[in-house]
Amino acid sequence: MARKKRPKQEDNELRWMTTYGDVVTLMMAFFVMLYAISQVDQQKFQLLVSGLATPFNNTAIQEGLLDGGNAIVGAASHEPEPGNAGIDGITVLDGMPSRGELEPTPEPQQPTEPPTLLTTNAELLEVRDALQRALTAAGVPTSVNFDLDTRGLVIAIATDGVLFPSGSAAISERGREIIGVIAPILNEFDNDIMVEGHTDTVPLNRGGYTNWDLSADRALAVLKFLQDGFAIDPRRLAAVGYGEYRPKATNETEAGRALNRRVELIIIAATEGGETDGR
């Protein structure tokens, strides 16, 4: 038996609308995506552009991509320039500041004042007189002695019972008062200051802790107090301990040993070239 032929289906003239609808849908999605990603966080974008300007030499920030062309950033406005194609009132980056507006203006540097240095004996003696007056007003003139030698002005402060307790490297209350009178005057000039510790010949019996250690620890304690308590520039300061080996008087008598137990602050006289001999 012969098969029946299927009736021939007529062509649907509207099939193209299905394809057209798909294309329109895709185009709408595409433009929605473009619109979404065009909403730029201008503040973050400004930071990004300014950060890339220096390492990549991005001259387009101010000059544009081509000579005579419009700048990418900083030249946008609401009114298009004559001859420019585009939609009125729409710009890529509206009102973006220029590179000069993004970078802070460096503050002008203040001129550095030249250091105040004492170079002559007359200037050092003026400091001695000022220190003597201040110490007398504070009631401690007999605990401090002064001398002028080739290094500069020497300020010798008795240690035991005055600057330190006997055998200790912890500054006493009276010692703090004495240094508190001296330090402000030391801050009035910029000469280097050497802090030297000295002891007598009486040995210490502390299991290896010697007069060397005590003299160095006392000098360092005074140096730190000058720096931390009175903001004296640490570049001006140095400390050294001489132990019993640079006596000022005989160690045969109690009075001589008392003079040898001392801490000396030496104001180093500056040379004519502006440097001090202690450097």
Protein backbone atom coordinates (compact mmCIF):
# COMPACT_ATOMS: atom_id res chain seq x y z
CA MET A 1 0.00 0.00 0.00
CA ALA A 2 1.52 3.30 -0.96
CA ARG A 3 2.25 5.82 1.82
CA LYS A 4 0.29 8.98 1.91
CA LYS A 5 2.32 12.06 1.22
CA ARG A 6 2.38 14.61 3.92
CA PRO A 7 0.75 17.81 2.93
CA LYS A 8 3.30 20.45 2.07
CA GLN A 9 3.58 23.04 4.85
CA GLU A 10 3.42 26.60 3.83
CA ASP A 11 6.39 28.83 4.70
CA ASN A 12 5.84 31.07 7.74
CA GLU A 13 6.64 34.57 6.60
CA LEU A 14 7.04 35.79 10.20
CA ARG A 15 9.88 33.46 11.22
CA TRP A 16 12.38 36.28 10.86
CA MET A 17 10.77 38.05 13.77
CA THR A 18 12.04 35.38 16.13
CA THR A 19 15.64 36.01 15.09
CA TYR A 20 15.07 39.76 15.13
CA GLY A 21 13.68 39.59 18.66
CA ASP A 22 16.72 37.64 19.84
CA VAL A 23 19.06 40.23 18.32
CA VAL A 24 17.17 43.13 19.87
CA THR A 25 17.23 41.41 23.28
CA LEU A 26 20.98 40.83 23.04
CA MET A 27 21.60 44.44 22.00
CA MET A 28 19.49 45.72 24.87
CA ALA A 29 21.47 43.56 27.32
CA PHE A 30 24.71 44.79 25.79
CA PHE A 31 23.81 48.46 26.15
CA VAL A 32 22.52 47.93 29.68
CA MET A 33 25.88 46.43 30.53
CA LEU A 34 27.68 49.40 28.98
CA TYR A 35 25.54 51.79 30.96
CA ALA A 36 26.18 49.90 34.18
CA ILE A 37 29.97 49.93 33.85
CA SER A 38 29.96 53.59 32.81
CA GLN A 39 28.94 54.69 36.32
CA VAL A 40 32.51 55.49 37.48
CA ASP A 41 33.39 56.32 41.06
CA GLN A 42 35.16 59.58 40.16
CA GLN A 43 37.00 59.91 43.46
CA LYS A 44 38.56 56.45 43.14
CA PHE A 45 39.27 57.04 39.46
CA GLN A 46 41.05 60.32 40.27
CA LEU A 47 43.29 58.51 42.74
CA LEU A 48 44.01 55.78 40.18
CA VAL A 49 44.90 58.25 37.43
CA SER A 50 47.09 60.40 39.70
CA GLY A 51 48.87 57.29 40.98
CA LEU A 52 49.66 56.13 37.44
CA ALA A 53 50.83 59.55 36.29
CA THR A 54 54.36 59.49 37.74
CA PRO A 55 55.56 55.88 37.24
CA PHE A 56 54.24 55.68 33.65
CA ASN A 57 54.96 59.29 32.61
CA ASN A 58 51.29 59.69 31.74
CA THR A 59 51.48 63.13 30.12
CA ALA A 60 47.98 62.63 28.75
CA ILE A 61 46.66 63.77 32.13
CA GLN A 62 47.37 67.33 31.14
CA GLU A 63 48.40 67.27 27.49
CA GLY A 64 46.03 64.80 25.81
CA LEU A 65 46.92 61.71 23.80
CA LEU A 66 48.00 63.62 20.71
CA ASP A 67 49.55 67.03 20.20
CA GLY A 68 46.77 69.53 19.97
CA GLY A 69 44.16 66.98 21.03
CA ASN A 70 41.77 67.16 23.97
CA ALA A 71 43.04 65.90 27.29
CA ILE A 72 41.54 62.72 28.65
CA VAL A 73 41.38 64.17 32.14
CA GLY A 74 40.92 67.79 33.14
CA ALA A 75 39.57 69.24 29.90
CA ALA A 76 36.04 67.85 29.96
CA SER A 77 33.14 70.30 30.13
CA HIS A 78 29.38 70.34 29.68
CA GLU A 79 29.62 72.27 26.43
CA PRO A 80 31.35 70.48 23.54
CA GLU A 81 33.97 72.39 21.64
CA PRO A 82 33.19 73.40 18.04
CA GLY A 83 33.84 70.61 15.56
CA ASN A 84 33.66 67.84 18.14
CA ALA A 85 31.32 64.97 17.43
CA GLY A 86 29.22 63.62 20.25
CA ILE A 87 26.12 64.22 22.28
CA ASP A 88 25.65 67.67 23.81
CA GLY A 89 26.12 67.78 27.56
CA ILE A 90 27.76 64.34 27.89
CA THR A 91 31.45 63.91 28.66
CA VAL A 92 33.58 60.95 29.61
CA LEU A 93 34.81 62.48 32.86
CA ASP A 94 32.88 65.56 33.87
CA GLY A 95 34.81 68.12 35.87
CA MET A 96 37.83 65.91 36.60
CA PRO A 97 40.54 68.00 38.31
CA SER A 98 43.93 68.35 36.72
CA ARG A 99 47.07 66.72 38.04
CA GLY A 100 48.12 69.95 39.69
CA GLU A 101 44.86 70.00 41.67
CA LEU A 102 45.28 66.39 42.77
CA GLU A 103 48.81 66.76 44.12
CA PRO A 104 49.29 68.88 47.27
CA THR A 105 51.51 71.92 46.94
CA PRO A 106 54.77 71.33 48.86
CA GLU A 107 55.22 73.62 51.82
CA PRO A 108 58.15 76.03 51.54
CA GLN A 109 61.10 74.96 53.66
CA GLN A 110 62.08 77.29 56.44
CA PRO A 111 65.69 78.43 56.33
CA THR A 112 67.86 76.65 58.86
CA GLU A 113 69.37 78.96 61.44
CA PRO A 114 73.13 78.69 61.79
CA PRO A 115 74.30 77.08 65.05
CA THR A 116 75.32 79.28 67.96
CA LEU A 117 78.87 78.26 68.82
CA LEU A 118 81.18 79.58 71.52
CA THR A 119 84.65 80.07 70.08
CA THR A 120 86.52 82.37 72.48
CA ASN A 121 87.54 82.19 76.11
CA ALA A 122 85.59 85.37 76.76
CA GLU A 123 82.37 83.68 75.61
CA LEU A 124 83.08 80.62 77.73
CA LEU A 125 83.71 82.83 80.77
CA GLU A 126 80.37 84.51 80.20
CA VAL A 127 78.73 81.09 80.38
CA ARG A 128 80.68 80.32 83.58
CA ASP A 129 79.44 83.54 85.17
CA ALA A 130 75.84 82.77 84.15
CA LEU A 131 76.11 79.29 85.64
CA GLN A 132 77.61 80.61 88.89
CA ARG A 133 74.78 83.11 89.29
CA ALA A 134 72.14 80.45 88.63
CA LEU A 135 73.73 77.96 91.04
CA THR A 136 74.08 80.60 93.75
CA ALA A 137 70.41 81.49 93.38
CA ALA A 138 69.56 77.77 93.69
CA GLY A 139 71.71 77.41 96.83
CA VAL A 140 74.32 74.94 95.49
CA PRO A 141 77.43 77.02 94.66
CA THR A 142 79.94 74.98 96.71
CA SER A 143 79.17 71.66 94.97
CA VAL A 144 80.30 72.82 91.51
CA ASN A 145 83.71 74.06 90.40
CA PHE A 146 84.80 75.62 87.11
CA ASP A 147 88.03 75.54 85.14
CA LEU A 148 89.11 76.73 81.71
CA ASP A 149 91.57 74.53 79.81
CA THR A 150 92.57 73.85 76.22
CA ARG A 151 89.40 71.87 75.58
CA GLY A 152 86.96 74.50 76.80
CA LEU A 153 84.99 75.20 79.98
CA VAL A 154 85.07 72.38 82.56
CA ILE A 155 82.15 72.12 85.01
CA ALA A 156 83.11 69.70 87.82
CA ILE A 157 80.29 68.40 90.01
CA ALA A 158 81.03 66.45 93.20
CA THR A 159 79.48 62.96 93.14
CA ASP A 160 79.25 61.20 96.52
CA GLY A 161 76.52 62.74 98.64
CA VAL A 162 75.81 65.39 95.99
CA LEU A 163 75.26 64.13 92.44
CA PHE A 164 75.02 60.43 93.40
CA PRO A 165 74.65 58.39 96.57
CA SER A 166 77.93 56.80 97.64
CA GLY A 167 78.92 53.98 95.26
CA SER A 168 75.74 54.41 93.14
CA ALA A 169 75.12 55.41 89.54
CA ALA A 170 71.53 56.60 90.20
CA ILE A 171 71.30 60.41 90.21
CA SER A 172 70.11 61.76 93.57
CA GLU A 173 67.34 64.31 94.03
CA ARG A 174 69.92 66.98 94.81
CA GLY A 175 71.88 65.96 91.73
CA ARG A 176 68.77 66.38 89.60
CA GLU A 177 68.30 69.85 91.02
CA ILE A 178 71.89 70.81 90.18
CA ILE A 179 71.65 69.49 86.62
CA GLY A 180 68.26 71.19 86.34
CA VAL A 181 70.00 74.53 86.96
CA ILE A 182 72.86 73.85 84.53
CA ALA A 183 71.00 72.23 81.59
CA PRO A 184 68.86 75.22 80.46
CA ILE A 185 72.01 77.32 80.06
CA LEU A 186 73.66 74.52 78.06
CA ASN A 187 70.69 74.71 75.67
CA GLU A 188 71.46 78.33 74.81
CA PHE A 189 74.36 77.37 72.50
CA ASP A 190 75.29 74.44 70.26
CA ASN A 191 78.79 73.42 71.31
CA ASP A 192 79.51 69.75 71.93
CA ILE A 193 79.45 68.58 75.55
CA MET A 194 81.66 65.80 76.88
CA VAL A 195 80.49 64.07 80.10
CA GLU A 196 83.37 62.47 82.02
CA GLY A 197 83.12 60.23 85.08
CA HIS A 198 85.96 59.99 87.67
CA THR A 199 86.49 58.07 90.93
CA ASP A 200 89.11 57.84 93.65
CA THR A 201 91.45 54.88 94.22
CA VAL A 202 89.33 53.11 96.82
CA PRO A 203 88.50 49.78 95.13
CA LEU A 204 84.96 48.52 94.78
CA ASN A 205 84.23 45.05 96.13
CA ARG A 206 81.34 44.01 93.92
CA GLY A 207 82.41 40.85 92.18
CA GLY A 208 84.06 42.38 89.12
CA TYR A 209 82.27 45.76 89.13
CA THR A 210 85.17 48.22 89.24
CA ASN A 211 85.82 51.95 89.38
CA TRP A 212 85.92 51.84 85.58
CA ASP A 213 82.32 50.64 85.53
CA LEU A 214 81.15 53.12 88.15
CA SER A 215 82.72 56.13 86.42
CA ALA A 216 81.31 55.16 83.02
CA ASP A 217 77.83 54.44 84.41
CA ARG A 218 77.73 57.79 86.20
CA ALA A 219 78.78 59.68 83.07
CA LEU A 220 76.15 57.87 81.01
CA ALA A 221 73.46 58.54 83.62
CA VAL A 222 74.14 62.29 83.43
CA LEU A 223 74.18 62.20 79.61
CA LYS A 224 70.80 60.44 79.45
CA PHE A 225 69.32 62.90 81.95
CA LEU A 226 70.49 65.84 79.83
CA GLN A 227 68.96 64.27 76.72
CA ASP A 228 65.71 62.90 78.14
CA GLY A 229 65.04 65.51 80.79
CA PHE A 230 66.08 68.69 78.96
CA ALA A 231 65.98 67.78 75.24
CA ILE A 232 69.64 68.52 74.64
CA ASP A 233 70.52 67.30 71.15
CA PRO A 234 72.16 63.85 71.56
CA ARG A 235 74.49 64.67 68.67
CA ARG A 236 76.15 67.20 70.96
CA LEU A 237 76.72 64.68 73.77
CA ALA A 238 79.35 62.04 74.52
CA ALA A 239 80.19 60.12 77.70
CA VAL A 240 83.40 58.50 78.94
CA GLY A 241 84.57 56.91 82.19
CA TYR A 242 88.17 57.37 83.39
CA GLY A 243 87.92 55.48 86.66
CA GLU A 244 90.63 56.49 89.13
CA TYR A 245 93.28 57.28 86.51
CA ARG A 246 92.83 61.03 86.03
CA PRO A 247 92.85 62.36 89.59
CA LYS A 248 92.43 66.04 90.28
CA ALA A 249 94.02 65.87 93.73
CA THR A 250 95.93 63.42 95.90
CA ASN A 251 94.23 60.22 96.91
CA GLU A 252 96.19 60.15 100.19
CA THR A 253 93.67 62.33 102.02
CA GLU A 254 89.90 62.24 102.37
CA ALA A 255 89.62 65.78 101.02
CA GLY A 256 91.66 64.84 97.94
CA ARG A 257 89.62 61.71 97.31
CA ALA A 258 86.41 63.75 97.58
CA LEU A 259 87.68 66.07 94.83
CA ASN A 260 88.55 63.08 92.64
CA ARG A 261 85.03 61.61 92.91
CA ARG A 262 83.37 63.83 90.34
CA VAL A 263 81.54 64.14 87.04
CA GLU A 264 82.77 66.80 84.64
CA LEU A 265 80.81 68.48 81.88
CA ILE A 266 83.19 69.96 79.32
CA ILE A 267 81.80 72.59 76.96
CA ILE A 268 84.07 72.01 73.97
CA ALA A 269 85.26 75.29 72.47
CA ALA A 270 84.46 75.58 68.77
CA THR A 271 87.14 76.30 66.17
CA GLU A 272 86.93 79.18 63.71
CA GLY A 273 85.59 76.82 61.07
CA GLY A 274 82.48 76.16 63.12
CA GLU A 275 83.42 72.69 64.42
CA THR A 276 84.26 71.59 67.95
CA ASP A 277 87.31 69.68 69.00
CA GLY A 278 85.17 66.96 70.54
CA ARG A 279 83.88 65.69 67.19
